């Protein structure tokens, strides 16, 4: 599953959107994908975007507080913006 020891094969072969879809399928916490870039980005940009989401998902799973994540990644001119929102209904105070 891992290519070059750093990121999944989907990231190398198909890009950020495909890699994030695979990540959410395997995540230990619920993750919804809101928006993903349709076009490929430079490899370093896609890699950093993937690693960011992977780390947030991993940390949410470690917390074990019932959090649900929503991920959106958008390309704006020469910039990639990755937004991860957390919904933690059991964590909310009454």
PDB file of N, CA and C in Angstrom:
ATOM      1  N   UNK A   1       0.798  -1.214   0.000  1.00  0.00           N
ATOM      2  CA  UNK A   1       0.000   0.000   0.000  1.00  0.00           C
ATOM      3  C   UNK A   1       0.837   1.274   0.000  1.00  0.00           C
ATOM      4  N   UNK A   2       2.011   1.196   0.570  1.00  0.00           N
ATOM      5  CA  UNK A   2       2.827   2.399   0.676  1.00  0.00           C
ATOM      6  C   UNK A   2       3.911   2.376  -0.407  1.00  0.00           C
ATOM      7  N   UNK A   3       3.989   3.485  -1.142  1.00  0.00           N
ATOM      8  CA  UNK A   3       4.999   3.612  -2.194  1.00  0.00           C
ATOM      9  C   UNK A   3       6.091   4.555  -1.720  1.00  0.00           C
ATOM     10  N   UNK A   4       7.303   4.213  -1.982  1.00  0.00           N
ATOM     11  CA  UNK A   4       8.445   5.047  -1.635  1.00  0.00           C
ATOM     12  C   UNK A   4       8.543   5.280  -0.129  1.00  0.00           C
ATOM     13  N   UNK A   5       7.864   4.480   0.696  1.00  0.00           N
ATOM     14  CA  UNK A   5       7.979   4.588   2.138  1.00  0.00           C
ATOM     15  C   UNK A   5       7.324   5.799   2.762  1.00  0.00           C
ATOM     16  N   UNK A   6       6.654   6.633   1.983  1.00  0.00           N
ATOM     17  CA  UNK A   6       6.109   7.877   2.521  1.00  0.00           C
ATOM     18  C   UNK A   6       4.611   7.993   2.347  1.00  0.00           C
ATOM     19  N   UNK A   7       4.102   7.630   1.209  1.00  0.00           N
ATOM     20  CA  UNK A   7       2.692   7.874   0.941  1.00  0.00           C
ATOM     21  C   UNK A   7       2.087   6.728   0.144  1.00  0.00           C
ATOM     22  N   UNK A   8       0.780   6.657   0.144  1.00  0.00           N
ATOM     23  CA  UNK A   8       0.118   5.531  -0.518  1.00  0.00           C
ATOM     24  C   UNK A   8       0.261   5.571  -2.040  1.00  0.00           C
ATOM     25  N   UNK A   9       0.134   4.413  -2.634  1.00  0.00           N
ATOM     26  CA  UNK A   9       0.228   4.272  -4.082  1.00  0.00           C
ATOM     27  C   UNK A   9      -0.792   5.168  -4.777  1.00  0.00           C
ATOM     28  N   UNK A  10      -1.994   5.295  -4.220  1.00  0.00           N
ATOM     29  CA  UNK A  10      -3.033   6.136  -4.829  1.00  0.00           C
ATOM     30  C   UNK A  10      -2.570   7.578  -4.995  1.00  0.00           C
ATOM     31  N   UNK A  11      -1.799   8.059  -4.031  1.00  0.00           N
ATOM     32  CA  UNK A  11      -1.303   9.431  -4.117  1.00  0.00           C
ATOM     33  C   UNK A  11      -0.355   9.580  -5.300  1.00  0.00           C
ATOM     34  N   UNK A  12       0.508   8.607  -5.481  1.00  0.00           N
ATOM     35  CA  UNK A  12       1.458   8.650  -6.591  1.00  0.00           C
ATOM     36  C   UNK A  12       0.755   8.481  -7.931  1.00  0.00           C
ATOM     37  N   UNK A  13      -0.134   7.502  -8.002  1.00  0.00           N
ATOM     38  CA  UNK A  13      -0.753   7.150  -9.279  1.00  0.00           C
ATOM     39  C   UNK A  13      -1.925   8.033  -9.671  1.00  0.00           C
ATOM     40  N   UNK A  14      -2.756   8.405  -8.695  1.00  0.00           N
ATOM     41  CA  UNK A  14      -4.015   9.075  -9.022  1.00  0.00           C
ATOM     42  C   UNK A  14      -4.176  10.468  -8.420  1.00  0.00           C
ATOM     43  N   UNK A  15      -3.398  10.800  -7.408  1.00  0.00           N
ATOM     44  CA  UNK A  15      -3.471  12.136  -6.837  1.00  0.00           C
ATOM     45  C   UNK A  15      -4.113  12.206  -5.469  1.00  0.00           C
ATOM     46  N   UNK A  16      -4.206  13.423  -4.984  1.00  0.00           N
ATOM     47  CA  UNK A  16      -4.674  13.690  -3.622  1.00  0.00           C
ATOM     48  C   UNK A  16      -6.099  13.204  -3.388  1.00  0.00           C
ATOM     49  N   UNK A  17      -6.997  13.464  -4.303  1.00  0.00           N
ATOM     50  CA  UNK A  17      -8.399  13.071  -4.099  1.00  0.00           C
ATOM     51  C   UNK A  17      -8.524  11.571  -3.890  1.00  0.00           C
ATOM     52  N   UNK A  18      -7.894  10.782  -4.727  1.00  0.00           N
ATOM     53  CA  UNK A  18      -7.967   9.320  -4.609  1.00  0.00           C
ATOM     54  C   UNK A  18      -7.319   8.840  -3.312  1.00  0.00           C
ATOM     55  N   UNK A  19      -6.204   9.449  -2.942  1.00  0.00           N
ATOM     56  CA  UNK A  19      -5.521   9.048  -1.713  1.00  0.00           C
ATOM     57  C   UNK A  19      -6.363   9.357  -0.481  1.00  0.00           C
ATOM     58  N   UNK A  20      -7.027  10.521  -0.480  1.00  0.00           N
ATOM     59  CA  UNK A  20      -7.882  10.859   0.664  1.00  0.00           C
ATOM     60  C   UNK A  20      -9.106   9.960   0.725  1.00  0.00           C
ATOM     61  N   UNK A  21      -9.635   9.578  -0.417  1.00  0.00           N
ATOM     62  CA  UNK A  21     -10.759   8.632  -0.423  1.00  0.00           C
ATOM     63  C   UNK A  21     -10.349   7.309   0.195  1.00  0.00           C
ATOM     64  N   UNK A  22      -9.166   6.823  -0.140  1.00  0.00           N
ATOM     65  CA  UNK A  22      -8.670   5.577   0.439  1.00  0.00           C
ATOM     66  C   UNK A  22      -8.430   5.738   1.935  1.00  0.00           C
ATOM     67  N   UNK A  23      -7.864   6.864   2.323  1.00  0.00           N
ATOM     68  CA  UNK A  23      -7.619   7.131   3.741  1.00  0.00           C
ATOM     69  C   UNK A  23      -8.911   7.110   4.544  1.00  0.00           C
ATOM     70  N   UNK A  24      -9.949   7.746   4.034  1.00  0.00           N
ATOM     71  CA  UNK A  24     -11.213   7.785   4.772  1.00  0.00           C
ATOM     72  C   UNK A  24     -11.852   6.408   4.856  1.00  0.00           C
ATOM     73  N   UNK A  25     -11.665   5.592   3.831  1.00  0.00           N
ATOM     74  CA  UNK A  25     -12.206   4.230   3.863  1.00  0.00           C
ATOM     75  C   UNK A  25     -11.564   3.389   4.960  1.00  0.00           C
ATOM     76  N   UNK A  26     -10.308   3.672   5.261  1.00  0.00           N
ATOM     77  CA  UNK A  26      -9.549   2.873   6.232  1.00  0.00           C
ATOM     78  C   UNK A  26      -9.470   3.511   7.613  1.00  0.00           C
ATOM     79  N   UNK A  27      -9.995   4.708   7.769  1.00  0.00           N
ATOM     80  CA  UNK A  27      -9.846   5.457   9.021  1.00  0.00           C
ATOM     81  C   UNK A  27     -10.584   4.778  10.170  1.00  0.00           C
ATOM     82  N   UNK A  28     -10.014   4.914  11.366  1.00  0.00           N
ATOM     83  CA  UNK A  28     -10.610   4.357  12.569  1.00  0.00           C
ATOM     84  C   UNK A  28     -11.708   5.253  13.133  1.00  0.00           C
ATOM     85  N   UNK A  29     -11.873   6.441  12.563  1.00  0.00           N
ATOM     86  CA  UNK A  29     -12.936   7.365  12.954  1.00  0.00           C
ATOM     87  C   UNK A  29     -13.718   7.728  11.702  1.00  0.00           C
ATOM     88  N   UNK A  30     -14.970   8.145  11.845  1.00  0.00           N
ATOM     89  CA  UNK A  30     -15.740   8.552  10.666  1.00  0.00           C
ATOM     90  C   UNK A  30     -15.158   9.817  10.037  1.00  0.00           C
ATOM     91  N   UNK A  31     -14.916   9.754   8.725  1.00  0.00           N
ATOM     92  CA  UNK A  31     -14.383  10.892   7.986  1.00  0.00           C
ATOM     93  C   UNK A  31     -15.222  11.079   6.725  1.00  0.00           C
ATOM     94  N   UNK A  32     -15.762  12.281   6.553  1.00  0.00           N
ATOM     95  CA  UNK A  32     -16.517  12.615   5.345  1.00  0.00           C
ATOM     96  C   UNK A  32     -15.671  13.551   4.497  1.00  0.00           C
ATOM     97  N   UNK A  33     -15.716  13.344   3.198  1.00  0.00           N
ATOM     98  CA  UNK A  33     -15.007  14.226   2.275  1.00  0.00           C
ATOM     99  C   UNK A  33     -16.000  15.227   1.708  1.00  0.00           C
ATOM    100  N   UNK A  34     -15.709  16.502   1.905  1.00  0.00           N
ATOM    101  CA  UNK A  34     -16.610  17.568   1.476  1.00  0.00           C
ATOM    102  C   UNK A  34     -16.287  18.047   0.069  1.00  0.00           C
ATOM    103  N   UNK A  35     -15.038  18.349  -0.194  1.00  0.00           N
ATOM    104  CA  UNK A  35     -14.614  18.837  -1.509  1.00  0.00           C
ATOM    105  C   UNK A  35     -13.176  18.412  -1.728  1.00  0.00           C
ATOM    106  N   UNK A  36     -12.875  18.016  -2.950  1.00  0.00           N
ATOM    107  CA  UNK A  36     -11.520  17.600  -3.300  1.00  0.00           C
ATOM    108  C   UNK A  36     -11.136  18.200  -4.645  1.00  0.00           C
ATOM    109  N   UNK A  37      -9.856  18.500  -4.830  1.00  0.00           N
ATOM    110  CA  UNK A  37      -9.440  19.055  -6.115  1.00  0.00           C
ATOM    111  C   UNK A  37      -9.548  18.001  -7.222  1.00  0.00           C
ATOM    112  N   UNK A  38     -10.086  18.394  -8.357  1.00  0.00           N
ATOM    113  CA  UNK A  38     -10.245  17.475  -9.482  1.00  0.00           C
ATOM    114  C   UNK A  38      -8.947  17.292 -10.246  1.00  0.00           C
ATOM    115  N   UNK A  39      -8.094  18.295 -10.211  1.00  0.00           N
ATOM    116  CA  UNK A  39      -6.859  18.230 -10.982  1.00  0.00           C
ATOM    117  C   UNK A  39      -5.668  17.921 -10.085  1.00  0.00           C
ATOM    118  N   UNK A  40      -4.643  17.383 -10.694  1.00  0.00           N
ATOM    119  CA  UNK A  40      -3.421  17.052  -9.970  1.00  0.00           C
ATOM    120  C   UNK A  40      -2.685  18.322  -9.576  1.00  0.00           C
ATOM    121  N   UNK A  41      -1.972  18.219  -8.484  1.00  0.00           N
ATOM    122  CA  UNK A  41      -1.135  19.291  -7.971  1.00  0.00           C
ATOM    123  C   UNK A  41       0.310  18.798  -7.978  1.00  0.00           C
ATOM    124  N   UNK A  42       1.282  19.676  -7.785  1.00  0.00           N
ATOM    125  CA  UNK A  42       2.662  19.203  -7.696  1.00  0.00           C
ATOM    126  C   UNK A  42       2.803  18.142  -6.589  1.00  0.00           C
ATOM    127  N   UNK A  43       3.639  17.165  -6.836  1.00  0.00           N
ATOM    128  CA  UNK A  43       3.800  16.037  -5.907  1.00  0.00           C
ATOM    129  C   UNK A  43       4.074  16.487  -4.472  1.00  0.00           C
ATOM    130  N   UNK A  44       4.984  17.435  -4.231  1.00  0.00           N
ATOM    131  CA  UNK A  44       5.211  17.849  -2.840  1.00  0.00           C
ATOM    132  C   UNK A  44       3.967  18.444  -2.177  1.00  0.00           C
ATOM    133  N   UNK A  45       3.163  19.156  -2.933  1.00  0.00           N
ATOM    134  CA  UNK A  45       1.941  19.767  -2.387  1.00  0.00           C
ATOM    135  C   UNK A  45       0.942  18.668  -2.028  1.00  0.00           C
ATOM    136  N   UNK A  46       0.740  17.721  -2.928  1.00  0.00           N
ATOM    137  CA  UNK A  46      -0.182  16.617  -2.644  1.00  0.00           C
ATOM    138  C   UNK A  46       0.297  15.803  -1.442  1.00  0.00           C
ATOM    139  N   UNK A  47       1.591  15.583  -1.357  1.00  0.00           N
ATOM    140  CA  UNK A  47       2.141  14.794  -0.253  1.00  0.00           C
ATOM    141  C   UNK A  47       1.897  15.479   1.085  1.00  0.00           C
ATOM    142  N   UNK A  48       2.155  16.766   1.155  1.00  0.00           N
ATOM    143  CA  UNK A  48       1.942  17.500   2.406  1.00  0.00           C
ATOM    144  C   UNK A  48       0.456  17.526   2.764  1.00  0.00           C
ATOM    145  N   UNK A  49      -0.409  17.748   1.785  1.00  0.00           N
ATOM    146  CA  UNK A  49      -1.846  17.735   2.047  1.00  0.00           C
ATOM    147  C   UNK A  49      -2.301  16.392   2.595  1.00  0.00           C
ATOM    148  N   UNK A  50      -1.822  15.317   2.000  1.00  0.00           N
ATOM    149  CA  UNK A  50      -2.175  13.975   2.465  1.00  0.00           C
ATOM    150  C   UNK A  50      -1.652  13.735   3.881  1.00  0.00           C
ATOM    151  N   UNK A  51      -0.393  14.077   4.121  1.00  0.00           N
ATOM    152  CA  UNK A  51       0.203  13.835   5.436  1.00  0.00           C
ATOM    153  C   UNK A  51      -0.515  14.614   6.531  1.00  0.00           C
ATOM    154  N   UNK A  52      -0.958  15.818   6.211  1.00  0.00           N
ATOM    155  CA  UNK A  52      -1.707  16.623   7.174  1.00  0.00           C
ATOM    156  C   UNK A  52      -2.999  15.921   7.577  1.00  0.00           C
ATOM    157  N   UNK A  53      -3.765  15.500   6.587  1.00  0.00           N
ATOM    158  CA  UNK A  53      -5.042  14.834   6.883  1.00  0.00           C
ATOM    159  C   UNK A  53      -4.799  13.517   7.607  1.00  0.00           C
ATOM    160  N   UNK A  54      -3.816  12.754   7.171  1.00  0.00           N
ATOM    161  CA  UNK A  54      -3.487  11.481   7.809  1.00  0.00           C
ATOM    162  C   UNK A  54      -3.175  11.675   9.287  1.00  0.00           C
ATOM    163  N   UNK A  55      -2.409  12.695   9.604  1.00  0.00           N
ATOM    164  CA  UNK A  55      -2.046  12.971  11.000  1.00  0.00           C
ATOM    165  C   UNK A  55      -3.262  13.381  11.824  1.00  0.00           C
ATOM    166  N   UNK A  56      -4.108  14.222  11.287  1.00  0.00           N
ATOM    167  CA  UNK A  56      -5.308  14.646  12.025  1.00  0.00           C
ATOM    168  C   UNK A  56      -6.225  13.450  12.276  1.00  0.00           C
ATOM    169  N   UNK A  57      -6.393  12.598  11.293  1.00  0.00           N
ATOM    170  CA  UNK A  57      -7.224  11.399  11.459  1.00  0.00           C
ATOM    171  C   UNK A  57      -6.616  10.491  12.525  1.00  0.00           C
ATOM    172  N   UNK A  58      -5.318  10.327  12.493  1.00  0.00           N
ATOM    173  CA  UNK A  58      -4.641   9.479  13.478  1.00  0.00           C
ATOM    174  C   UNK A  58      -4.822  10.036  14.894  1.00  0.00           C
ATOM    175  N   UNK A  59      -4.661  11.340  15.051  1.00  0.00           N
ATOM    176  CA  UNK A  59      -4.827  11.960  16.367  1.00  0.00           C
ATOM    177  C   UNK A  59      -6.272  11.859  16.863  1.00  0.00           C
ATOM    178  N   UNK A  60      -7.229  12.022  15.969  1.00  0.00           N
ATOM    179  CA  UNK A  60      -8.642  11.895  16.359  1.00  0.00           C
ATOM    180  C   UNK A  60      -8.931  10.472  16.828  1.00  0.00           C
ATOM    181  N   UNK A  61      -8.362   9.494  16.164  1.00  0.00           N
ATOM    182  CA  UNK A  61      -8.559   8.098  16.568  1.00  0.00           C
ATOM    183  C   UNK A  61      -7.923   7.839  17.932  1.00  0.00           C
ATOM    184  N   UNK A  62      -6.763   8.422  18.186  1.00  0.00           N
ATOM    185  CA  UNK A  62      -6.090   8.259  19.478  1.00  0.00           C
ATOM    186  C   UNK A  62      -6.910   8.849  20.619  1.00  0.00           C
ATOM    187  N   UNK A  63      -7.536  10.007  20.361  1.00  0.00           N
ATOM    188  CA  UNK A  63      -8.353  10.651  21.403  1.00  0.00           C
ATOM    189  C   UNK A  63      -9.510   9.763  21.802  1.00  0.00           C
ATOM    190  N   UNK A  64     -10.103   9.102  20.829  1.00  0.00           N
ATOM    191  CA  UNK A  64     -11.202   8.194  21.118  1.00  0.00           C
ATOM    192  C   UNK A  64     -12.418   8.859  21.730  1.00  0.00           C
ATOM    193  N   UNK A  65     -12.688  10.105  21.369  1.00  0.00           N
ATOM    194  CA  UNK A  65     -13.796  10.830  21.983  1.00  0.00           C
ATOM    195  C   UNK A  65     -15.051  10.869  21.114  1.00  0.00           C
ATOM    196  N   UNK A  66     -15.093  10.029  20.110  1.00  0.00           N
ATOM    197  CA  UNK A  66     -16.274   9.980  19.252  1.00  0.00           C
ATOM    198  C   UNK A  66     -16.330  11.054  18.190  1.00  0.00           C
ATOM    199  N   UNK A  67     -15.207  11.711  17.930  1.00  0.00           N
ATOM    200  CA  UNK A  67     -15.182  12.782  16.949  1.00  0.00           C
ATOM    201  C   UNK A  67     -15.437  12.256  15.543  1.00  0.00           C
ATOM    202  N   UNK A  68     -16.134  13.055  14.774  1.00  0.00           N
ATOM    203  CA  UNK A  68     -16.319  12.798  13.350  1.00  0.00           C
ATOM    204  C   UNK A  68     -15.650  13.937  12.606  1.00  0.00           C
ATOM    205  N   UNK A  69     -14.936  13.613  11.544  1.00  0.00           N
ATOM    206  CA  UNK A  69     -14.187  14.617  10.798  1.00  0.00           C
ATOM    207  C   UNK A  69     -14.800  14.857   9.430  1.00  0.00           C
ATOM    208  N   UNK A  70     -14.692  16.081   8.968  1.00  0.00           N
ATOM    209  CA  UNK A  70     -15.046  16.430   7.598  1.00  0.00           C
ATOM    210  C   UNK A  70     -13.826  17.098   6.988  1.00  0.00           C
ATOM    211  N   UNK A  71     -13.430  16.615   5.814  1.00  0.00           N
ATOM    212  CA  UNK A  71     -12.227  17.118   5.148  1.00  0.00           C
ATOM    213  C   UNK A  71     -12.619  17.780   3.835  1.00  0.00           C
ATOM    214  N   UNK A  72     -12.069  18.960   3.604  1.00  0.00           N
ATOM    215  CA  UNK A  72     -12.228  19.651   2.326  1.00  0.00           C
ATOM    216  C   UNK A  72     -10.843  20.105   1.880  1.00  0.00           C
ATOM    217  N   UNK A  73     -10.534  19.894   0.609  1.00  0.00           N
ATOM    218  CA  UNK A  73      -9.262  20.348   0.037  1.00  0.00           C
ATOM    219  C   UNK A  73      -9.593  21.090  -1.243  1.00  0.00           C
ATOM    220  N   UNK A  74      -9.154  22.321  -1.317  1.00  0.00           N
ATOM    221  CA  UNK A  74      -9.472  23.156  -2.475  1.00  0.00           C
ATOM    222  C   UNK A  74      -8.215  23.789  -3.040  1.00  0.00           C
ATOM    223  N   UNK A  75      -8.181  23.866  -4.346  1.00  0.00           N
ATOM    224  CA  UNK A  75      -7.090  24.556  -5.033  1.00  0.00           C
ATOM    225  C   UNK A  75      -7.569  25.949  -5.402  1.00  0.00           C
ATOM    226  N   UNK A  76      -6.805  26.939  -4.997  1.00  0.00           N
ATOM    227  CA  UNK A  76      -7.126  28.326  -5.294  1.00  0.00           C
ATOM    228  C   UNK A  76      -5.880  28.969  -5.875  1.00  0.00           C
ATOM    229  N   UNK A  77      -5.899  29.197  -7.172  1.00  0.00           N
ATOM    230  CA  UNK A  77      -4.723  29.713  -7.892  1.00  0.00           C
ATOM    231  C   UNK A  77      -3.561  28.746  -7.692  1.00  0.00           C
ATOM    232  N   UNK A  78      -2.530  29.184  -6.994  1.00  0.00           N
ATOM    233  CA  UNK A  78      -1.362  28.328  -6.773  1.00  0.00           C
ATOM    234  C   UNK A  78      -1.314  27.781  -5.356  1.00  0.00           C
ATOM    235  N   UNK A  79      -2.431  27.760  -4.678  1.00  0.00           N
ATOM    236  CA  UNK A  79      -2.456  27.382  -3.274  1.00  0.00           C
ATOM    237  C   UNK A  79      -3.418  26.229  -3.031  1.00  0.00           C
ATOM    238  N   UNK A  80      -3.036  25.323  -2.160  1.00  0.00           N
ATOM    239  CA  UNK A  80      -3.928  24.257  -1.709  1.00  0.00           C
ATOM    240  C   UNK A  80      -4.358  24.598  -0.294  1.00  0.00           C
ATOM    241  N   UNK A  81      -5.649  24.625  -0.075  1.00  0.00           N
ATOM    242  CA  UNK A  81      -6.189  24.847   1.263  1.00  0.00           C
ATOM    243  C   UNK A  81      -6.851  23.562   1.717  1.00  0.00           C
ATOM    244  N   UNK A  82      -6.427  23.068   2.862  1.00  0.00           N
ATOM    245  CA  UNK A  82      -7.007  21.861   3.443  1.00  0.00           C
ATOM    246  C   UNK A  82      -7.692  22.266   4.735  1.00  0.00           C
ATOM    247  N   UNK A  83      -8.960  21.918   4.829  1.00  0.00           N
ATOM    248  CA  UNK A  83      -9.748  22.233   6.021  1.00  0.00           C
ATOM    249  C   UNK A  83     -10.259  20.930   6.617  1.00  0.00           C
ATOM    250  N   UNK A  84     -10.012  20.751   7.911  1.00  0.00           N
ATOM    251  CA  UNK A  84     -10.522  19.585   8.618  1.00  0.00           C
ATOM    252  C   UNK A  84     -11.383  20.100   9.757  1.00  0.00           C
ATOM    253  N   UNK A  85     -12.662  19.753   9.690  1.00  0.00           N
ATOM    254  CA  UNK A  85     -13.597  20.154  10.751  1.00  0.00           C
ATOM    255  C   UNK A  85     -13.895  18.942  11.614  1.00  0.00           C
ATOM    256  N   UNK A  86     -14.054  19.192  12.895  1.00  0.00           N
ATOM    257  CA  UNK A  86     -14.342  18.131  13.851  1.00  0.00           C
ATOM    258  C   UNK A  86     -15.710  18.354  14.456  1.00  0.00           C
ATOM    259  N   UNK A  87     -16.494  17.310  14.450  1.00  0.00           N
ATOM    260  CA  UNK A  87     -17.775  17.321  15.156  1.00  0.00           C
ATOM    261  C   UNK A  87     -17.676  16.261  16.234  1.00  0.00           C
ATOM    262  N   UNK A  88     -17.802  16.693  17.453  1.00  0.00           N
ATOM    263  CA  UNK A  88     -17.668  15.768  18.576  1.00  0.00           C
ATOM    264  C   UNK A  88     -18.902  15.913  19.453  1.00  0.00           C
ATOM    265  N   UNK A  89     -20.008  15.339  19.015  1.00  0.00           N
ATOM    266  CA  UNK A  89     -21.277  15.460  19.740  1.00  0.00           C
ATOM    267  C   UNK A  89     -21.176  14.994  21.187  1.00  0.00           C
ATOM    268  N   UNK A  90     -20.537  13.851  21.477  1.00  0.00           N
ATOM    269  CA  UNK A  90     -20.452  13.442  22.880  1.00  0.00           C
ATOM    270  C   UNK A  90     -19.623  14.408  23.732  1.00  0.00           C
ATOM    271  N   UNK A  91     -18.773  15.222  23.087  1.00  0.00           N
ATOM    272  CA  UNK A  91     -17.890  16.113  23.822  1.00  0.00           C
ATOM    273  C   UNK A  91     -18.567  17.428  24.197  1.00  0.00           C
ATOM    274  N   UNK A  92     -19.670  17.749  23.525  1.00  0.00           N
ATOM    275  CA  UNK A  92     -20.313  19.030  23.774  1.00  0.00           C
ATOM    276  C   UNK A  92     -20.934  19.082  25.162  1.00  0.00           C
ATOM    277  N   UNK A  93     -20.758  20.218  25.813  1.00  0.00           N
ATOM    278  CA  UNK A  93     -21.340  20.399  27.134  1.00  0.00           C
ATOM    279  C   UNK A  93     -22.845  20.566  27.028  1.00  0.00           C
ATOM    280  N   UNK A  94     -23.598  20.089  28.032  1.00  0.00           N
ATOM    281  CA  UNK A  94     -25.061  20.236  27.989  1.00  0.00           C
ATOM    282  C   UNK A  94     -25.527  21.676  28.040  1.00  0.00           C
TER     283      UNK A  94
END
